[in-house]
Amino acid sequence: MWCHHAVVLACVWCAPMAHAAKSCEELALEIADKLKAAGVKDYSLEIVPNELAVGEKVVGSCEGGTRKITYAREKKKLESPPAKKP
């Protein structure tokens, strides 16, 4: 879990430096590569306008700061619950 948070924080710190020269899609792919290299699984990245990023975990900024890349952990689907014993 600690590694997961460290990777997200590193992405947040590095992303603003790269937003001027890269497209949102390119930046999102780079962030995804870093998360994958760190072993992070079950997450989603979404490119949204700034106003939709309120309250979300922002890991990147692009298109001159007008859009954000947000990160969310995906909940694993639970298999059917174990059968109750009679």
C-alpha atoms as a PDB file:
ATOM      1  CA  MET A   1       0.000   0.000   0.000  1.00  0.00           C
ATOM      2  CA  TRP A   2       2.856   2.377   0.821  1.00  0.00           C
ATOM      3  CA  CYS A   3       4.375   1.823  -2.631  1.00  0.00           C
ATOM      4  CA  HIS A   4       1.027   2.604  -4.236  1.00  0.00           C
ATOM      5  CA  HIS A   5       0.833   5.980  -2.483  1.00  0.00           C
ATOM      6  CA  ALA A   6       4.457   6.799  -3.271  1.00  0.00           C
ATOM      7  CA  VAL A   7       3.899   6.182  -6.984  1.00  0.00           C
ATOM      8  CA  VAL A   8       0.782   8.334  -7.055  1.00  0.00           C
ATOM      9  CA  LEU A   9       2.587  11.153  -5.242  1.00  0.00           C
ATOM     10  CA  ALA A  10       5.525  10.891  -7.655  1.00  0.00           C
ATOM     11  CA  CYS A  11       3.134  11.138 -10.603  1.00  0.00           C
ATOM     12  CA  VAL A  12       1.461  14.174  -9.085  1.00  0.00           C
ATOM     13  CA  TRP A  13       4.817  15.849  -8.541  1.00  0.00           C
ATOM     14  CA  CYS A  14       6.204  15.096 -12.026  1.00  0.00           C
ATOM     15  CA  ALA A  15       3.097  15.616 -14.130  1.00  0.00           C
ATOM     16  CA  PRO A  16       2.875  19.438 -13.968  1.00  0.00           C
ATOM     17  CA  MET A  17       6.370  19.724 -15.406  1.00  0.00           C
ATOM     18  CA  ALA A  18       5.376  17.713 -18.459  1.00  0.00           C
ATOM     19  CA  HIS A  19       1.949  19.145 -19.269  1.00  0.00           C
ATOM     20  CA  ALA A  20       3.156  21.896 -21.586  1.00  0.00           C
ATOM     21  CA  ALA A  21       4.696  19.640 -24.233  1.00  0.00           C
ATOM     22  CA  LYS A  22       2.591  16.472 -24.095  1.00  0.00           C
ATOM     23  CA  SER A  23      -0.943  15.593 -25.033  1.00  0.00           C
ATOM     24  CA  CYS A  24      -3.281  14.362 -22.299  1.00  0.00           C
ATOM     25  CA  GLU A  25      -3.321  10.885 -23.808  1.00  0.00           C
ATOM     26  CA  GLU A  26       0.473  10.713 -23.961  1.00  0.00           C
ATOM     27  CA  LEU A  27       0.810  11.871 -20.368  1.00  0.00           C
ATOM     28  CA  ALA A  28      -1.850   9.404 -19.181  1.00  0.00           C
ATOM     29  CA  LEU A  29       0.028   6.563 -20.907  1.00  0.00           C
ATOM     30  CA  GLU A  30       3.274   7.586 -19.195  1.00  0.00           C
ATOM     31  CA  ILE A  31       1.548   7.673 -15.804  1.00  0.00           C
ATOM     32  CA  ALA A  32       0.009   4.242 -16.503  1.00  0.00           C
ATOM     33  CA  ASP A  33       3.451   2.872 -17.412  1.00  0.00           C
ATOM     34  CA  LYS A  34       4.874   4.155 -14.119  1.00  0.00           C
ATOM     35  CA  LEU A  35       2.023   2.633 -12.140  1.00  0.00           C
ATOM     36  CA  LYS A  36       2.423  -0.693 -13.949  1.00  0.00           C
ATOM     37  CA  ALA A  37       6.189  -0.685 -13.323  1.00  0.00           C
ATOM     38  CA  ALA A  38       5.500  -0.148  -9.619  1.00  0.00           C
ATOM     39  CA  GLY A  39       3.123  -3.118  -9.593  1.00  0.00           C
ATOM     40  CA  VAL A  40      -0.044  -1.091  -9.085  1.00  0.00           C
ATOM     41  CA  LYS A  41      -3.112  -2.937 -10.370  1.00  0.00           C
ATOM     42  CA  ASP A  42      -6.854  -2.371 -10.452  1.00  0.00           C
ATOM     43  CA  TYR A  43      -6.930   1.365 -11.075  1.00  0.00           C
ATOM     44  CA  SER A  44      -8.331   3.751 -13.643  1.00  0.00           C
ATOM     45  CA  LEU A  45      -7.055   7.010 -15.085  1.00  0.00           C
ATOM     46  CA  GLU A  46      -9.482   9.492 -16.553  1.00  0.00           C
ATOM     47  CA  ILE A  47      -8.881  12.745 -18.457  1.00  0.00           C
ATOM     48  CA  VAL A  48     -11.430  15.331 -17.352  1.00  0.00           C
ATOM     49  CA  PRO A  49     -11.999  19.095 -17.508  1.00  0.00           C
ATOM     50  CA  ASN A  50     -10.746  20.908 -14.394  1.00  0.00           C
ATOM     51  CA  GLU A  51     -14.237  21.441 -12.982  1.00  0.00           C
ATOM     52  CA  LEU A  52     -14.880  17.672 -12.941  1.00  0.00           C
ATOM     53  CA  ALA A  53     -11.659  16.932 -11.037  1.00  0.00           C
ATOM     54  CA  VAL A  54     -12.876  18.519  -7.792  1.00  0.00           C
ATOM     55  CA  GLY A  55     -12.648  15.967  -5.006  1.00  0.00           C
ATOM     56  CA  GLU A  56     -10.759  13.469  -7.165  1.00  0.00           C
ATOM     57  CA  LYS A  57      -7.124  12.354  -6.821  1.00  0.00           C
ATOM     58  CA  VAL A  58      -5.375  14.345  -9.571  1.00  0.00           C
ATOM     59  CA  VAL A  59      -2.155  12.784 -10.896  1.00  0.00           C
ATOM     60  CA  GLY A  60      -1.536  15.008 -13.918  1.00  0.00           C
ATOM     61  CA  SER A  61      -2.405  18.228 -15.668  1.00  0.00           C
ATOM     62  CA  CYS A  62      -2.463  18.753 -19.426  1.00  0.00           C
ATOM     63  CA  GLU A  63      -3.687  20.959 -22.274  1.00  0.00           C
ATOM     64  CA  GLY A  64      -2.164  24.042 -20.724  1.00  0.00           C
ATOM     65  CA  GLY A  65      -3.648  23.241 -17.320  1.00  0.00           C
ATOM     66  CA  THR A  66      -7.248  23.105 -18.571  1.00  0.00           C
ATOM     67  CA  ARG A  67      -7.662  19.348 -18.064  1.00  0.00           C
ATOM     68  CA  LYS A  68      -6.660  16.948 -15.306  1.00  0.00           C
ATOM     69  CA  ILE A  69      -5.821  13.271 -15.190  1.00  0.00           C
ATOM     70  CA  THR A  70      -7.524  11.632 -12.234  1.00  0.00           C
ATOM     71  CA  TYR A  71      -6.673   8.357 -10.551  1.00  0.00           C
ATOM     72  CA  ALA A  72      -9.060   5.957  -8.828  1.00  0.00           C
ATOM     73  CA  ARG A  73      -8.625   2.507  -7.377  1.00  0.00           C
ATOM     74  CA  GLU A  74     -11.051   0.019  -8.873  1.00  0.00           C
ATOM     75  CA  LYS A  75     -12.818  -2.258  -6.465  1.00  0.00           C
ATOM     76  CA  LYS A  76     -12.245  -5.894  -7.199  1.00  0.00           C
ATOM     77  CA  LYS A  77     -15.376  -7.796  -8.046  1.00  0.00           C
ATOM     78  CA  LEU A  78     -16.148 -10.298  -5.371  1.00  0.00           C
ATOM     79  CA  GLU A  79     -16.937 -13.793  -6.369  1.00  0.00           C
ATOM     80  CA  SER A  80     -20.202 -15.222  -5.147  1.00  0.00           C
ATOM     81  CA  PRO A  81     -20.235 -15.511  -1.370  1.00  0.00           C
ATOM     82  CA  PRO A  82     -19.407 -18.897   0.073  1.00  0.00           C
ATOM     83  CA  ALA A  83     -22.383 -21.166   0.526  1.00  0.00           C
ATOM     84  CA  LYS A  84     -23.800 -21.315   4.026  1.00  0.00           C
ATOM     85  CA  LYS A  85     -23.413 -24.610   5.799  1.00  0.00           C
ATOM     86  CA  PRO A  86     -26.713 -26.228   6.801  1.00  0.00           C
END
